[in-house]
Amino acid sequence: MEDLNPYQPPAASLREPSSAGTVPGARLFKVSGIGLATFIGTVLAGGVLIAINYRAVDRPALARRVLWGSLAAIALVIASSIFLPGGWVMDLGVLALQVVSMMALARWQRGTIAVLLPDDHEPRSNWMAFGISLLVLMGLFGSILLLMFLAIATGVLPSFPDG
């Protein structure tokens, strides 16, 4: 019988991680870009940028969770603005929710960026984050307008008074 050792580990090639688990070549949005997008384009835009970051480091399941969470957060904001009484208290509440969510998203992403990228990486532009936030905001306004028109056309909401 040949030199067959049943306790020998299999001869598999293991890929060595580069410098403490970083992802070389990945270009992520900086925390400042995520904060800018969240401020300009709501929590949804910040969630889109974080999802782009997670897809860049090959974590699609986490990217989907972030997108669904940001969609749920923006739906909560829209529902609360529709069903809660208006006034300056509501405006302050929405502003506070926006600021808290912006800080939470930035804090959440800061650790991921620090762990996965080397110090000398080239991040994505904050101008690109700004553009994505404007696109998300336009899409959000467009979908809200479409839902309003459908609600008026079907009689769910009353139409605007004449004059």
Protein backbone atom coordinates (compact mmCIF):
# COMPACT_ATOMS: atom_id res chain seq x y z
CA MET A 1 0.00 0.00 0.00
CA GLU A 2 1.25 3.46 -0.86
CA ASP A 3 1.95 6.19 1.65
CA LEU A 4 -1.69 6.95 2.31
CA ASN A 5 -2.25 8.93 5.45
CA PRO A 6 -5.96 9.04 6.38
CA TYR A 7 -5.33 11.98 8.71
CA GLN A 8 -3.74 14.18 6.09
CA PRO A 9 -5.81 17.24 5.16
CA PRO A 10 -7.00 17.44 1.56
CA ALA A 11 -4.75 19.15 -0.93
CA ALA A 12 -6.96 22.18 -1.51
CA SER A 13 -5.64 25.49 -2.58
CA LEU A 14 -6.66 28.09 -0.07
CA ARG A 15 -6.76 31.68 -1.14
CA GLU A 16 -4.84 33.93 1.18
CA PRO A 17 -6.76 37.07 2.14
CA SER A 18 -4.94 40.22 1.25
CA SER A 19 -3.98 42.31 4.27
CA ALA A 20 -6.48 41.42 6.97
CA GLY A 21 -9.50 40.60 4.82
CA THR A 22 -9.51 43.68 2.64
CA VAL A 23 -10.98 43.65 -0.84
CA PRO A 24 -8.43 44.95 -3.33
CA GLY A 25 -9.76 47.00 -6.21
CA ALA A 26 -13.19 47.63 -4.65
CA ARG A 27 -14.34 51.22 -4.93
CA LEU A 28 -16.78 52.14 -2.21
CA PHE A 29 -18.65 55.29 -1.37
CA LYS A 30 -17.17 57.18 1.56
CA VAL A 31 -19.13 57.85 4.72
CA SER A 32 -19.39 61.52 3.74
CA GLY A 33 -20.99 60.53 0.42
CA ILE A 34 -23.47 58.26 2.18
CA GLY A 35 -24.34 61.05 4.62
CA LEU A 36 -24.79 63.52 1.77
CA ALA A 37 -27.03 61.12 -0.14
CA THR A 38 -29.09 60.40 2.95
CA PHE A 39 -29.54 64.11 3.63
CA ILE A 40 -30.41 65.04 0.04
CA GLY A 41 -32.20 61.94 -1.16
CA THR A 42 -33.71 60.49 2.06
CA VAL A 43 -32.86 57.23 3.79
CA LEU A 44 -33.58 55.40 0.57
CA ALA A 45 -30.64 57.04 -1.23
CA GLY A 46 -28.31 56.25 1.66
CA GLY A 47 -29.52 52.66 1.58
CA VAL A 48 -28.90 52.45 -2.17
CA LEU A 49 -25.30 53.62 -1.71
CA ILE A 50 -24.70 51.16 1.11
CA ALA A 51 -26.17 48.39 -1.03
CA ILE A 52 -23.80 49.39 -3.84
CA ASN A 53 -20.93 49.19 -1.34
CA TYR A 54 -21.97 45.72 -0.19
CA ARG A 55 -22.33 44.49 -3.77
CA ALA A 56 -18.83 45.79 -4.51
CA VAL A 57 -17.42 43.59 -1.74
CA ASP A 58 -19.50 40.60 -2.86
CA ARG A 59 -22.16 40.58 -0.14
CA PRO A 60 -25.41 40.59 -2.15
CA ALA A 61 -27.59 39.20 0.65
CA LEU A 62 -26.60 42.05 2.95
CA ALA A 63 -27.17 44.51 0.11
CA ARG A 64 -30.75 43.23 -0.30
CA ARG A 65 -31.39 43.54 3.43
CA VAL A 66 -30.17 47.12 3.43
CA LEU A 67 -32.38 48.00 0.46
CA TRP A 68 -35.46 46.45 2.04
CA GLY A 69 -34.70 48.18 5.35
CA SER A 70 -34.32 51.57 3.70
CA LEU A 71 -37.55 51.02 1.75
CA ALA A 72 -39.32 50.17 5.00
CA ALA A 73 -37.90 53.28 6.68
CA ILE A 74 -39.02 55.60 3.89
CA ALA A 75 -42.45 53.93 3.84
CA LEU A 76 -42.70 54.58 7.58
CA VAL A 77 -41.83 58.24 7.07
CA ILE A 78 -44.38 58.63 4.27
CA ALA A 79 -47.10 56.81 6.21
CA SER A 80 -46.46 58.88 9.33
CA SER A 81 -46.62 62.09 7.33
CA ILE A 82 -49.95 61.02 5.86
CA PHE A 83 -51.69 59.69 8.95
CA LEU A 84 -50.27 61.77 11.79
CA PRO A 85 -51.52 65.30 12.32
CA GLY A 86 -49.42 67.98 10.64
CA GLY A 87 -47.77 71.07 11.96
CA TRP A 88 -44.32 72.06 13.08
CA VAL A 89 -44.07 69.17 15.56
CA MET A 90 -44.44 66.68 12.71
CA ASP A 91 -41.90 68.59 10.62
CA LEU A 92 -39.40 68.45 13.47
CA GLY A 93 -40.08 64.74 13.92
CA VAL A 94 -39.41 63.98 10.26
CA LEU A 95 -36.26 66.11 10.35
CA ALA A 96 -35.08 64.33 13.50
CA LEU A 97 -35.75 60.94 11.90
CA GLN A 98 -33.77 62.00 8.84
CA VAL A 99 -30.78 63.17 10.90
CA VAL A 100 -30.81 60.09 13.15
CA SER A 101 -31.03 57.75 10.17
CA MET A 102 -28.22 59.61 8.41
CA MET A 103 -25.97 59.25 11.45
CA ALA A 104 -26.92 55.59 11.95
CA LEU A 105 -26.24 54.69 8.32
CA ALA A 106 -22.89 56.48 8.39
CA ARG A 107 -21.86 54.82 11.64
CA TRP A 108 -22.92 51.42 10.37
CA GLN A 109 -20.97 51.79 7.13
CA ARG A 110 -17.83 53.34 8.64
CA GLY A 111 -16.77 50.04 10.21
CA THR A 112 -17.38 48.10 7.02
CA ILE A 113 -15.32 50.49 4.94
CA ALA A 114 -12.46 50.45 7.45
CA VAL A 115 -12.38 46.65 7.66
CA LEU A 116 -12.74 45.80 3.98
CA LEU A 117 -10.56 48.36 2.26
CA PRO A 118 -6.88 49.11 2.49
CA ASP A 119 -5.83 52.59 3.54
CA ASP A 120 -4.71 53.60 0.06
CA HIS A 121 -7.96 52.74 -1.78
CA GLU A 122 -9.58 55.13 -4.20
CA PRO A 123 -13.17 55.81 -3.08
CA ARG A 124 -16.06 56.68 -5.34
CA SER A 125 -16.79 60.35 -5.85
CA ASN A 126 -19.12 62.30 -3.58
CA TRP A 127 -20.47 63.91 -6.75
CA MET A 128 -21.59 60.47 -7.88
CA ALA A 129 -23.28 59.98 -4.50
CA PHE A 130 -24.98 63.36 -4.96
CA GLY A 131 -26.19 62.37 -8.44
CA ILE A 132 -27.53 59.03 -7.22
CA SER A 133 -29.33 60.79 -4.36
CA LEU A 134 -31.01 63.16 -6.83
CA LEU A 135 -32.07 60.24 -9.02
CA VAL A 136 -33.50 58.41 -6.02
CA LEU A 137 -35.31 61.57 -4.90
CA MET A 138 -36.80 62.11 -8.37
CA GLY A 139 -37.93 58.48 -8.50
CA LEU A 140 -39.46 58.77 -5.05
CA PHE A 141 -41.35 61.95 -5.94
CA GLY A 142 -42.47 60.43 -9.22
CA SER A 143 -43.83 57.32 -7.52
CA ILE A 144 -45.61 59.41 -4.88
CA LEU A 145 -47.21 61.56 -7.59
CA LEU A 146 -48.25 58.47 -9.52
CA LEU A 147 -49.84 56.97 -6.41
CA MET A 148 -51.64 60.26 -5.70
CA PHE A 149 -53.02 60.43 -9.23
CA LEU A 150 -54.14 56.81 -9.06
CA ALA A 151 -55.79 57.41 -5.69
CA ILE A 152 -57.64 60.45 -7.04
CA ALA A 153 -58.65 58.62 -10.24
CA THR A 154 -60.04 55.65 -8.32
CA GLY A 155 -61.84 57.83 -5.79
CA VAL A 156 -59.74 56.88 -2.77
CA LEU A 157 -58.70 60.51 -2.34
CA PRO A 158 -61.05 63.40 -3.12
CA SER A 159 -60.16 65.46 -6.16
CA PHE A 160 -59.03 69.03 -5.81
CA PRO A 161 -61.86 71.56 -5.37
CA ASP A 162 -62.70 73.82 -8.28
CA GLY A 163 -61.54 77.41 -8.01
